[in-house]
Amino acid sequence: MATKLICTLITYVLYLLNNCMFKVIALVCVMGGGCILMEESNNNVYPTLQECEKVAQEKHEIITDSLRENNIPLEHLEVHCETTNEQM
């Protein structure tokens, strides 16, 4: 019974990963300035989680470098991918 449930869950997750689009989300928290939830301004979506994660890593580096160059103390930075409601 448990094996069937696990197989069903795995099948569902694979379905979602193959039938969803992904977008990059960033949570940026600066010392004493609060947090901002950000999305890409051009509303990009990516067909695979792998492609989105690559962009998310690049965005993490860009945000970190930009804050450092402007002497803005970073408290927390989280950049990740979320599914969208858009279908392929």
N, C-alpha and C. Protein backbone atom coordinates (compact mmCIF):
# COMPACT_ATOMS: atom_id res chain seq x y z
N MET A 1 0.82 -1.20 0.00
CA MET A 1 0.00 0.00 0.00
C MET A 1 0.87 1.26 0.00
N ALA A 2 1.89 1.29 0.88
CA ALA A 2 2.78 2.46 0.94
C ALA A 2 3.55 2.62 -0.36
N THR A 3 3.96 1.51 -0.95
CA THR A 3 4.72 1.57 -2.20
C THR A 3 3.87 2.18 -3.30
N LYS A 4 2.60 1.83 -3.35
CA LYS A 4 1.71 2.39 -4.37
C LYS A 4 1.54 3.90 -4.17
N LEU A 5 1.42 4.33 -2.92
CA LEU A 5 1.29 5.75 -2.62
C LEU A 5 2.55 6.51 -3.03
N ILE A 6 3.70 5.95 -2.71
CA ILE A 6 4.97 6.58 -3.08
C ILE A 6 5.09 6.68 -4.59
N CYS A 7 4.74 5.62 -5.29
CA CYS A 7 4.80 5.64 -6.76
C CYS A 7 3.84 6.68 -7.33
N THR A 8 2.67 6.81 -6.74
CA THR A 8 1.70 7.81 -7.19
C THR A 8 2.23 9.21 -6.98
N LEU A 9 2.83 9.46 -5.82
CA LEU A 9 3.40 10.77 -5.53
C LEU A 9 4.55 11.10 -6.47
N ILE A 10 5.41 10.14 -6.72
CA ILE A 10 6.54 10.35 -7.63
C ILE A 10 6.02 10.65 -9.03
N THR A 11 5.02 9.91 -9.48
CA THR A 11 4.43 10.14 -10.79
C THR A 11 3.85 11.54 -10.89
N TYR A 12 3.17 11.98 -9.83
CA TYR A 12 2.58 13.32 -9.82
C TYR A 12 3.66 14.40 -9.87
N VAL A 13 4.71 14.24 -9.09
CA VAL A 13 5.80 15.22 -9.09
C VAL A 13 6.46 15.28 -10.47
N LEU A 14 6.70 14.13 -11.07
CA LEU A 14 7.28 14.12 -12.42
C LEU A 14 6.34 14.78 -13.42
N TYR A 15 5.05 14.57 -13.28
CA TYR A 15 4.07 15.23 -14.15
C TYR A 15 4.18 16.74 -14.01
N LEU A 16 4.23 17.23 -12.76
CA LEU A 16 4.33 18.67 -12.54
C LEU A 16 5.61 19.23 -13.13
N LEU A 17 6.72 18.53 -12.93
CA LEU A 17 8.00 19.01 -13.44
C LEU A 17 8.04 19.04 -14.95
N ASN A 18 7.29 18.15 -15.59
CA ASN A 18 7.28 18.10 -17.05
C ASN A 18 6.19 18.94 -17.69
N ASN A 19 5.25 19.44 -16.91
CA ASN A 19 4.11 20.16 -17.48
C ASN A 19 3.95 21.56 -16.92
N CYS A 20 4.90 22.04 -16.18
CA CYS A 20 4.82 23.37 -15.60
C CYS A 20 5.95 24.24 -16.14
N MET A 21 5.74 25.51 -16.01
CA MET A 21 6.80 26.47 -16.28
C MET A 21 7.31 26.94 -14.92
N PHE A 22 8.50 27.49 -14.90
CA PHE A 22 9.12 27.92 -13.66
C PHE A 22 9.54 29.38 -13.75
N LYS A 23 9.50 30.07 -12.62
CA LYS A 23 9.94 31.46 -12.56
C LYS A 23 10.89 31.63 -11.39
N VAL A 24 11.75 32.64 -11.49
CA VAL A 24 12.73 32.93 -10.45
C VAL A 24 12.12 33.91 -9.45
N ILE A 25 12.25 33.59 -8.18
CA ILE A 25 11.78 34.43 -7.08
C ILE A 25 12.98 34.73 -6.19
N ALA A 26 13.10 35.97 -5.73
CA ALA A 26 14.19 36.34 -4.82
C ALA A 26 13.61 37.02 -3.59
N LEU A 27 14.07 36.60 -2.43
CA LEU A 27 13.74 37.26 -1.17
C LEU A 27 15.02 37.94 -0.71
N VAL A 28 15.00 39.26 -0.68
CA VAL A 28 16.17 40.06 -0.34
C VAL A 28 15.90 40.79 0.97
N CYS A 29 16.71 40.54 1.98
CA CYS A 29 16.58 41.21 3.27
C CYS A 29 17.88 41.95 3.57
N VAL A 30 17.77 43.25 3.80
CA VAL A 30 18.95 44.05 4.14
C VAL A 30 18.88 44.44 5.61
N MET A 31 20.04 44.63 6.21
CA MET A 31 20.12 44.98 7.62
C MET A 31 19.33 46.26 7.90
N GLY A 32 18.38 46.19 8.77
CA GLY A 32 17.62 47.36 9.19
C GLY A 32 16.66 47.90 8.15
N GLY A 33 16.51 47.21 7.02
CA GLY A 33 15.68 47.75 5.96
C GLY A 33 14.52 46.87 5.57
N GLY A 34 14.36 45.74 6.23
CA GLY A 34 13.28 44.84 5.89
C GLY A 34 13.59 43.95 4.71
N CYS A 35 12.56 43.27 4.24
CA CYS A 35 12.71 42.30 3.16
C CYS A 35 11.81 42.66 1.98
N ILE A 36 12.27 42.29 0.80
CA ILE A 36 11.51 42.52 -0.44
C ILE A 36 11.46 41.20 -1.20
N LEU A 37 10.27 40.83 -1.65
CA LEU A 37 10.10 39.66 -2.51
C LEU A 37 10.12 40.15 -3.95
N MET A 38 11.00 39.62 -4.75
CA MET A 38 11.19 40.11 -6.12
C MET A 38 10.97 39.01 -7.15
N GLU A 39 10.48 39.41 -8.32
CA GLU A 39 10.41 38.55 -9.49
C GLU A 39 11.11 39.27 -10.62
N GLU A 40 11.48 38.55 -11.66
CA GLU A 40 12.12 39.19 -12.80
C GLU A 40 11.15 40.19 -13.43
N SER A 41 11.66 41.37 -13.76
CA SER A 41 10.81 42.44 -14.29
C SER A 41 10.24 42.11 -15.67
N ASN A 42 10.90 41.22 -16.39
CA ASN A 42 10.41 40.87 -17.73
C ASN A 42 9.50 39.63 -17.71
N ASN A 43 9.16 39.16 -16.49
CA ASN A 43 8.25 38.03 -16.31
C ASN A 43 8.70 36.77 -17.05
N ASN A 44 9.99 36.54 -17.10
CA ASN A 44 10.51 35.33 -17.74
C ASN A 44 9.98 34.09 -17.05
N VAL A 45 9.71 33.07 -17.84
CA VAL A 45 9.41 31.74 -17.32
C VAL A 45 10.30 30.75 -18.07
N TYR A 46 10.58 29.64 -17.40
CA TYR A 46 11.53 28.66 -17.94
C TYR A 46 10.85 27.30 -18.04
N PRO A 47 11.11 26.57 -19.11
CA PRO A 47 10.42 25.30 -19.33
C PRO A 47 10.89 24.16 -18.43
N THR A 48 12.10 24.28 -17.87
CA THR A 48 12.59 23.21 -17.01
C THR A 48 13.10 23.80 -15.69
N LEU A 49 13.03 22.98 -14.66
CA LEU A 49 13.54 23.39 -13.36
C LEU A 49 15.04 23.63 -13.43
N GLN A 50 15.75 22.82 -14.18
CA GLN A 50 17.20 22.96 -14.30
C GLN A 50 17.58 24.31 -14.91
N GLU A 51 16.87 24.70 -15.96
CA GLU A 51 17.14 25.98 -16.61
C GLU A 51 16.85 27.13 -15.64
N CYS A 52 15.75 27.03 -14.93
CA CYS A 52 15.38 28.07 -13.96
C CYS A 52 16.41 28.15 -12.84
N GLU A 53 16.85 27.02 -12.32
CA GLU A 53 17.83 27.02 -11.24
C GLU A 53 19.16 27.64 -11.66
N LYS A 54 19.53 27.45 -12.92
CA LYS A 54 20.75 28.08 -13.43
C LYS A 54 20.62 29.60 -13.40
N VAL A 55 19.47 30.10 -13.86
CA VAL A 55 19.22 31.54 -13.86
C VAL A 55 19.15 32.05 -12.41
N ALA A 56 18.52 31.28 -11.52
CA ALA A 56 18.41 31.68 -10.11
C ALA A 56 19.80 31.83 -9.49
N GLN A 57 20.71 30.94 -9.82
CA GLN A 57 22.08 31.05 -9.30
C GLN A 57 22.76 32.31 -9.82
N GLU A 58 22.56 32.59 -11.11
CA GLU A 58 23.13 33.81 -11.69
C GLU A 58 22.55 35.05 -11.02
N LYS A 59 21.23 35.05 -10.78
CA LYS A 59 20.58 36.19 -10.13
C LYS A 59 21.11 36.38 -8.70
N HIS A 60 21.35 35.28 -8.01
CA HIS A 60 21.90 35.33 -6.65
C HIS A 60 23.24 36.06 -6.66
N GLU A 61 24.09 35.71 -7.60
CA GLU A 61 25.41 36.35 -7.72
C GLU A 61 25.28 37.83 -8.08
N ILE A 62 24.37 38.15 -8.99
CA ILE A 62 24.18 39.54 -9.41
C ILE A 62 23.69 40.40 -8.25
N ILE A 63 22.71 39.90 -7.52
CA ILE A 63 22.17 40.66 -6.38
C ILE A 63 23.23 40.83 -5.30
N THR A 64 23.95 39.76 -4.99
CA THR A 64 25.00 39.83 -3.97
C THR A 64 26.06 40.86 -4.36
N ASP A 65 26.53 40.79 -5.59
CA ASP A 65 27.56 41.72 -6.06
C ASP A 65 27.06 43.16 -6.04
N SER A 66 25.83 43.38 -6.48
CA SER A 66 25.27 44.73 -6.53
C SER A 66 25.15 45.34 -5.13
N LEU A 67 24.68 44.55 -4.18
CA LEU A 67 24.56 45.06 -2.81
C LEU A 67 25.93 45.35 -2.22
N ARG A 68 26.88 44.47 -2.48
CA ARG A 68 28.25 44.66 -1.97
C ARG A 68 28.87 45.92 -2.56
N GLU A 69 28.73 46.11 -3.88
CA GLU A 69 29.30 47.29 -4.55
C GLU A 69 28.70 48.59 -4.03
N ASN A 70 27.45 48.54 -3.58
CA ASN A 70 26.77 49.73 -3.07
C ASN A 70 26.80 49.82 -1.54
N ASN A 71 27.64 48.99 -0.93
CA ASN A 71 27.81 48.98 0.53
C ASN A 71 26.49 48.83 1.29
N ILE A 72 25.63 47.98 0.77
CA ILE A 72 24.35 47.69 1.42
C ILE A 72 24.50 46.35 2.14
N PRO A 73 24.39 46.36 3.48
CA PRO A 73 24.60 45.12 4.24
C PRO A 73 23.44 44.13 4.06
N LEU A 74 23.77 42.97 3.60
CA LEU A 74 22.78 41.93 3.33
C LEU A 74 22.56 41.10 4.59
N GLU A 75 21.31 40.95 4.97
CA GLU A 75 20.97 40.10 6.11
C GLU A 75 20.61 38.69 5.66
N HIS A 76 19.83 38.60 4.58
CA HIS A 76 19.39 37.29 4.07
C HIS A 76 19.08 37.42 2.59
N LEU A 77 19.47 36.41 1.83
CA LEU A 77 19.15 36.37 0.40
C LEU A 77 18.79 34.94 0.04
N GLU A 78 17.63 34.80 -0.55
CA GLU A 78 17.17 33.49 -1.00
C GLU A 78 16.65 33.66 -2.42
N VAL A 79 17.23 32.95 -3.35
CA VAL A 79 16.78 32.99 -4.75
C VAL A 79 16.46 31.55 -5.14
N HIS A 80 15.23 31.33 -5.59
CA HIS A 80 14.81 29.97 -5.93
C HIS A 80 13.79 30.00 -7.07
N CYS A 81 13.37 28.83 -7.49
CA CYS A 81 12.40 28.70 -8.56
C CYS A 81 11.07 28.20 -8.02
N GLU A 82 10.00 28.73 -8.57
CA GLU A 82 8.65 28.29 -8.24
C GLU A 82 7.92 27.95 -9.53
N THR A 83 6.95 27.07 -9.41
CA THR A 83 6.13 26.77 -10.59
C THR A 83 5.16 27.91 -10.83
N THR A 84 4.78 28.06 -12.07
CA THR A 84 3.78 29.06 -12.44
C THR A 84 2.51 28.32 -12.84
N ASN A 85 1.47 29.04 -13.13
CA ASN A 85 0.22 28.43 -13.61
C ASN A 85 0.24 28.23 -15.11
N GLU A 86 1.31 28.72 -15.74
CA GLU A 86 1.39 28.60 -17.19
C GLU A 86 1.75 27.18 -17.59
N GLN A 87 1.15 26.70 -18.64
CA GLN A 87 1.44 25.37 -19.18
C GLN A 87 2.37 25.49 -20.37
N MET A 88 3.08 24.43 -20.61
CA MET A 88 4.00 24.41 -21.75
C MET A 88 3.21 24.36 -23.05
